[in-house]
C-alpha atoms as a PDB file:
ATOM      1  CA  MET A   1      31.782 -57.662  96.118  1.00  0.00           C
ATOM      2  CA  THR A   2      30.000 -54.385  96.245  1.00  0.00           C
ATOM      3  CA  GLY A   3      26.689 -55.413  97.779  1.00  0.00           C
ATOM      4  CA  PRO A   4      23.281 -56.245  96.393  1.00  0.00           C
ATOM      5  CA  ALA A   5      22.853 -53.092  94.300  1.00  0.00           C
ATOM      6  CA  ALA A   6      25.568 -54.230  91.886  1.00  0.00           C
ATOM      7  CA  VAL A   7      24.500 -57.890  91.854  1.00  0.00           C
ATOM      8  CA  ARG A   8      21.403 -58.726  89.841  1.00  0.00           C
ATOM      9  CA  ALA A   9      21.703 -62.516  89.730  1.00  0.00           C
ATOM     10  CA  VAL A  10      23.502 -65.335  91.499  1.00  0.00           C
ATOM     11  CA  LEU A  11      24.212 -68.478  89.514  1.00  0.00           C
ATOM     12  CA  PHE A  12      24.965 -71.589  91.531  1.00  0.00           C
ATOM     13  CA  ASP A  13      26.792 -74.747  90.667  1.00  0.00           C
ATOM     14  CA  ARG A  14      24.488 -77.634  91.587  1.00  0.00           C
ATOM     15  CA  ASP A  15      26.476 -80.591  92.955  1.00  0.00           C
ATOM     16  CA  ASP A  16      28.449 -79.973  96.164  1.00  0.00           C
ATOM     17  CA  THR A  17      27.280 -76.349  96.144  1.00  0.00           C
ATOM     18  CA  LEU A  18      23.466 -76.415  96.419  1.00  0.00           C
ATOM     19  CA  ILE A  19      23.070 -80.150  97.022  1.00  0.00           C
ATOM     20  CA  GLU A  20      25.302 -82.938  98.264  1.00  0.00           C
ATOM     21  CA  ASP A  21      27.204 -84.516  95.404  1.00  0.00           C
ATOM     22  CA  VAL A  22      26.049 -87.990  94.424  1.00  0.00           C
ATOM     23  CA  PRO A  23      28.171 -88.883  91.372  1.00  0.00           C
ATOM     24  CA  TYR A  24      26.046 -89.090  88.204  1.00  0.00           C
ATOM     25  CA  ASN A  25      22.850 -88.845  90.235  1.00  0.00           C
ATOM     26  CA  GLY A  26      19.694 -89.639  88.275  1.00  0.00           C
ATOM     27  CA  ASP A  27      17.560 -90.340  91.373  1.00  0.00           C
ATOM     28  CA  PRO A  28      15.583 -87.404  92.808  1.00  0.00           C
ATOM     29  CA  GLU A  29      15.245 -89.260  96.126  1.00  0.00           C
ATOM     30  CA  LYS A  30      19.004 -88.885  96.683  1.00  0.00           C
ATOM     31  CA  VAL A  31      18.864 -85.068  96.572  1.00  0.00           C
ATOM     32  CA  ARG A  32      19.985 -83.507  99.871  1.00  0.00           C
ATOM     33  CA  PRO A  33      20.443 -79.725 100.237  1.00  0.00           C
ATOM     34  CA  MET A  34      23.794 -78.471 101.443  1.00  0.00           C
ATOM     35  CA  PRO A  35      23.806 -76.937 104.922  1.00  0.00           C
ATOM     36  CA  GLY A  36      22.533 -73.357 104.849  1.00  0.00           C
ATOM     37  CA  ALA A  37      21.154 -73.593 101.310  1.00  0.00           C
ATOM     38  CA  ARG A  38      17.551 -72.730 102.194  1.00  0.00           C
ATOM     39  CA  GLU A  39      18.546 -69.719 104.289  1.00  0.00           C
ATOM     40  CA  ALA A  40      21.040 -68.520 101.669  1.00  0.00           C
ATOM     41  CA  LEU A  41      18.401 -68.597  98.942  1.00  0.00           C
ATOM     42  CA  ARG A  42      15.827 -66.939 101.213  1.00  0.00           C
ATOM     43  CA  LEU A  43      18.270 -64.067 101.798  1.00  0.00           C
ATOM     44  CA  LEU A  44      18.964 -63.579  98.091  1.00  0.00           C
ATOM     45  CA  ARG A  45      15.317 -63.680  97.115  1.00  0.00           C
ATOM     46  CA  GLY A  46      14.483 -61.290  99.946  1.00  0.00           C
ATOM     47  CA  HIS A  47      16.872 -58.804  98.338  1.00  0.00           C
ATOM     48  CA  GLY A  48      15.259 -59.281  94.921  1.00  0.00           C
ATOM     49  CA  ILE A  49      18.317 -61.015  93.482  1.00  0.00           C
ATOM     50  CA  ARG A  50      17.514 -63.491  90.744  1.00  0.00           C
ATOM     51  CA  THR A  51      18.776 -67.070  91.010  1.00  0.00           C
ATOM     52  CA  GLY A  52      19.822 -69.767  88.574  1.00  0.00           C
ATOM     53  CA  VAL A  53      21.773 -72.986  88.375  1.00  0.00           C
ATOM     54  CA  VAL A  54      24.629 -73.770  85.969  1.00  0.00           C
ATOM     55  CA  SER A  55      25.903 -77.326  86.064  1.00  0.00           C
ATOM     56  CA  ASN A  56      28.184 -79.687  84.161  1.00  0.00           C
ATOM     57  CA  GLN A  57      26.368 -83.007  83.742  1.00  0.00           C
ATOM     58  CA  SER A  58      28.837 -85.185  81.847  1.00  0.00           C
ATOM     59  CA  GLY A  59      26.935 -88.288  82.939  1.00  0.00           C
ATOM     60  CA  VAL A  60      24.628 -87.606  79.993  1.00  0.00           C
ATOM     61  CA  GLY A  61      27.521 -87.653  77.526  1.00  0.00           C
ATOM     62  CA  ARG A  62      28.944 -90.749  79.210  1.00  0.00           C
ATOM     63  CA  GLY A  63      25.622 -92.602  78.869  1.00  0.00           C
ATOM     64  CA  LEU A  64      25.176 -92.841  82.658  1.00  0.00           C
ATOM     65  CA  LEU A  65      22.222 -90.425  82.801  1.00  0.00           C
ATOM     66  CA  THR A  66      19.521 -89.256  80.467  1.00  0.00           C
ATOM     67  CA  GLU A  67      18.338 -85.697  79.944  1.00  0.00           C
ATOM     68  CA  GLU A  68      15.128 -86.790  81.689  1.00  0.00           C
ATOM     69  CA  ASP A  69      17.160 -87.963  84.720  1.00  0.00           C
ATOM     70  CA  VAL A  70      18.802 -84.520  84.917  1.00  0.00           C
ATOM     71  CA  ARG A  71      15.395 -82.790  84.641  1.00  0.00           C
ATOM     72  CA  ARG A  72      13.922 -84.986  87.405  1.00  0.00           C
ATOM     73  CA  VAL A  73      16.826 -84.284  89.773  1.00  0.00           C
ATOM     74  CA  ASN A  74      16.641 -80.559  88.955  1.00  0.00           C
ATOM     75  CA  ALA A  75      12.880 -80.614  89.618  1.00  0.00           C
ATOM     76  CA  ARG A  76      13.579 -82.109  93.050  1.00  0.00           C
ATOM     77  CA  VAL A  77      16.119 -79.368  93.770  1.00  0.00           C
ATOM     78  CA  ASP A  78      13.506 -76.816  92.690  1.00  0.00           C
ATOM     79  CA  ALA A  79      10.942 -78.432  95.009  1.00  0.00           C
ATOM     80  CA  LEU A  80      13.343 -78.299  97.966  1.00  0.00           C
ATOM     81  CA  LEU A  81      15.134 -74.989  97.342  1.00  0.00           C
ATOM     82  CA  GLY A  82      13.501 -73.198  94.441  1.00  0.00           C
ATOM     83  CA  PRO A  83      12.088 -72.115  92.333  1.00  0.00           C
ATOM     84  CA  PHE A  84      15.169 -71.137  90.381  1.00  0.00           C
ATOM     85  CA  GLU A  85      14.509 -68.802  87.477  1.00  0.00           C
ATOM     86  CA  VAL A  86      16.893 -70.533  85.102  1.00  0.00           C
ATOM     87  CA  TRP A  87      18.558 -73.913  84.782  1.00  0.00           C
ATOM     88  CA  ALA A  88      21.419 -74.472  82.342  1.00  0.00           C
ATOM     89  CA  HIS A  89      23.495 -77.613  82.095  1.00  0.00           C
ATOM     90  CA  CYS A  90      26.198 -79.000  79.866  1.00  0.00           C
ATOM     91  CA  PRO A  91      25.669 -82.658  78.885  1.00  0.00           C
ATOM     92  CA  HIS A  92      29.074 -83.019  77.247  1.00  0.00           C
ATOM     93  CA  VAL A  93      32.197 -84.880  78.336  1.00  0.00           C
ATOM     94  CA  PRO A  94      35.396 -82.845  78.688  1.00  0.00           C
ATOM     95  CA  GLU A  95      36.834 -84.313  75.486  1.00  0.00           C
ATOM     96  CA  ASP A  96      33.996 -82.778  73.429  1.00  0.00           C
ATOM     97  CA  GLY A  97      35.608 -79.346  73.697  1.00  0.00           C
ATOM     98  CA  CYS A  98      32.249 -77.567  73.780  1.00  0.00           C
ATOM     99  CA  GLY A  99      31.768 -73.930  74.751  1.00  0.00           C
ATOM    100  CA  CYS A 100      29.252 -74.686  77.483  1.00  0.00           C
ATOM    101  CA  ARG A 101      31.204 -76.983  79.797  1.00  0.00           C
ATOM    102  CA  LYS A 102      32.690 -75.061  82.701  1.00  0.00           C
ATOM    103  CA  PRO A 103      35.348 -73.561  82.778  1.00  0.00           C
ATOM    104  CA  ALA A 104      34.132 -72.293  79.384  1.00  0.00           C
ATOM    105  CA  PRO A 105      31.757 -69.327  79.729  1.00  0.00           C
ATOM    106  CA  GLY A 106      28.784 -70.738  77.796  1.00  0.00           C
ATOM    107  CA  LEU A 107      26.545 -71.744  80.705  1.00  0.00           C
ATOM    108  CA  ILE A 108      27.066 -68.430  82.497  1.00  0.00           C
ATOM    109  CA  VAL A 109      26.446 -66.380  79.354  1.00  0.00           C
ATOM    110  CA  GLU A 110      23.322 -68.400  78.510  1.00  0.00           C
ATOM    111  CA  ALA A 111      21.864 -68.187  82.022  1.00  0.00           C
ATOM    112  CA  ALA A 112      22.526 -64.435  82.179  1.00  0.00           C
ATOM    113  CA  ARG A 113      20.900 -63.955  78.763  1.00  0.00           C
ATOM    114  CA  ARG A 114      17.826 -65.913  79.825  1.00  0.00           C
ATOM    115  CA  LEU A 115      17.596 -63.810  82.998  1.00  0.00           C
ATOM    116  CA  GLY A 116      17.955 -60.606  80.988  1.00  0.00           C
ATOM    117  CA  VAL A 117      21.041 -59.435  82.886  1.00  0.00           C
ATOM    118  CA  PRO A 118      24.606 -58.926  81.694  1.00  0.00           C
ATOM    119  CA  PRO A 119      27.134 -61.514  82.919  1.00  0.00           C
ATOM    120  CA  GLU A 120      28.971 -58.687  84.692  1.00  0.00           C
ATOM    121  CA  ALA A 121      25.950 -58.315  87.006  1.00  0.00           C
ATOM    122  CA  CYS A 122      26.134 -61.997  87.989  1.00  0.00           C
ATOM    123  CA  VAL A 123      27.986 -63.815  90.723  1.00  0.00           C
ATOM    124  CA  VAL A 124      28.798 -67.497  90.317  1.00  0.00           C
ATOM    125  CA  ILE A 125      29.019 -69.550  93.494  1.00  0.00           C
ATOM    126  CA  GLY A 126      30.666 -72.944  93.161  1.00  0.00           C
ATOM    127  CA  ASP A 127      32.973 -75.444  94.782  1.00  0.00           C
ATOM    128  CA  ILE A 128      35.747 -76.023  92.236  1.00  0.00           C
ATOM    129  CA  GLY A 129      38.106 -74.132  89.985  1.00  0.00           C
ATOM    130  CA  SER A 130      36.081 -74.710  86.826  1.00  0.00           C
ATOM    131  CA  ASP A 131      33.207 -72.749  88.394  1.00  0.00           C
ATOM    132  CA  MET A 132      35.568 -69.833  89.037  1.00  0.00           C
ATOM    133  CA  GLY A 133      37.084 -70.171  85.567  1.00  0.00           C
ATOM    134  CA  ALA A 134      33.655 -70.016  83.930  1.00  0.00           C
ATOM    135  CA  ALA A 135      32.754 -66.918  85.948  1.00  0.00           C
ATOM    136  CA  ARG A 136      36.003 -65.219  84.975  1.00  0.00           C
ATOM    137  CA  ALA A 137      35.663 -66.187  81.288  1.00  0.00           C
ATOM    138  CA  ALA A 138      32.107 -64.803  81.172  1.00  0.00           C
ATOM    139  CA  GLY A 139      32.975 -61.559  82.959  1.00  0.00           C
ATOM    140  CA  ALA A 140      31.013 -62.525  86.085  1.00  0.00           C
ATOM    141  CA  ARG A 141      32.359 -62.564  89.621  1.00  0.00           C
ATOM    142  CA  GLY A 142      33.121 -65.824  91.399  1.00  0.00           C
ATOM    143  CA  VAL A 143      32.907 -66.993  95.002  1.00  0.00           C
ATOM    144  CA  LEU A 144      34.382 -70.366  95.907  1.00  0.00           C
ATOM    145  CA  VAL A 145      32.906 -72.509  98.674  1.00  0.00           C
ATOM    146  CA  PRO A 146      35.498 -75.274  99.075  1.00  0.00           C
ATOM    147  CA  THR A 147      34.558 -78.876  99.801  1.00  0.00           C
ATOM    148  CA  ALA A 148      36.653 -81.979 100.356  1.00  0.00           C
ATOM    149  CA  ARG A 149      37.226 -82.324  96.607  1.00  0.00           C
ATOM    150  CA  THR A 150      38.357 -78.717  96.070  1.00  0.00           C
ATOM    151  CA  LEU A 151      42.064 -78.655  95.303  1.00  0.00           C
ATOM    152  CA  PRO A 152      44.386 -76.340  97.286  1.00  0.00           C
ATOM    153  CA  GLY A 153      45.423 -74.592  94.065  1.00  0.00           C
ATOM    154  CA  GLU A 154      41.777 -73.876  93.270  1.00  0.00           C
ATOM    155  CA  VAL A 155      41.347 -72.238  96.668  1.00  0.00           C
ATOM    156  CA  ALA A 156      44.511 -70.191  96.184  1.00  0.00           C
ATOM    157  CA  ALA A 157      43.400 -69.010  92.727  1.00  0.00           C
ATOM    158  CA  ALA A 158      39.807 -68.132  93.638  1.00  0.00           C
ATOM    159  CA  PRO A 159      38.853 -64.442  93.655  1.00  0.00           C
ATOM    160  CA  TYR A 160      36.859 -64.881  96.890  1.00  0.00           C
ATOM    161  CA  VAL A 161      36.592 -67.831  99.263  1.00  0.00           C
ATOM    162  CA  CYS A 162      33.881 -68.420 101.856  1.00  0.00           C
ATOM    163  CA  PRO A 163      33.658 -71.363 104.243  1.00  0.00           C
ATOM    164  CA  ASP A 164      30.044 -72.245 103.437  1.00  0.00           C
ATOM    165  CA  LEU A 165      27.114 -71.389 101.188  1.00  0.00           C
ATOM    166  CA  LEU A 166      25.384 -69.079 103.641  1.00  0.00           C
ATOM    167  CA  GLY A 167      28.641 -67.184 104.176  1.00  0.00           C
ATOM    168  CA  ALA A 168      29.057 -66.860 100.410  1.00  0.00           C
ATOM    169  CA  VAL A 169      25.610 -65.338 100.033  1.00  0.00           C
ATOM    170  CA  ARG A 170      26.203 -62.975 102.949  1.00  0.00           C
ATOM    171  CA  HIS A 171      29.432 -61.961 101.243  1.00  0.00           C
ATOM    172  CA  VAL A 172      27.567 -61.308  97.974  1.00  0.00           C
ATOM    173  CA  LEU A 173      25.091 -59.178  99.910  1.00  0.00           C
ATOM    174  CA  GLY A 174      27.952 -57.042 101.141  1.00  0.00           C
ATOM    175  CA  ASP A 175      28.794 -58.094 104.653  1.00  0.00           C
ATOM    176  CA  GLY A 176      32.469 -58.504 103.755  1.00  0.00           C
ATOM    177  CA  SER A 177      32.759 -62.036 105.151  1.00  0.00           C
ATOM    178  CA  GLY A 178      34.580 -63.501 102.153  1.00  0.00           C
ATOM    179  CA  ARG A 179      38.303 -63.322 101.749  1.00  0.00           C
ATOM    180  CA  ARG A 180      40.344 -62.765  98.637  1.00  0.00           C
ATOM    181  CA  SER A 181      42.687 -65.601  98.035  1.00  0.00           C
END
């Protein structure tokens, strides 16, 4: 990363990046921020860096969630950590072959467009390889924050790896704490 001057927006994966993952969560009361999330977002906003969320929500396509469920959970995240300037989610299942489901670039490109910044001025922070793949496909930069479900190969392939969300944001801001994999 080259510090905040080159970064105009940070796009976060939602589940297991900003909030604890509850599979197919449609209940706002189950939303719990990840450790360091509030401080990380405070730092970004203090530097004037725009924020958004890009999230695969296949539970909609599987019939386990409704669009309204996703909006209610996102509103709870906004209430706890936001406001985020843009929300973009993919409701499709992997078999749909859409252009928005990460690792495809669609969510990143759409969020960047809605923020009025080029994808190249965005950093995507996420917890799995599809987040990094979407960043790469869109021309954005990626920072991986591994969790228990992150595969070793995803860590090895990530452009940058940080141990936690706050460390990832500090890395984006130019403190050099991330490591290339």
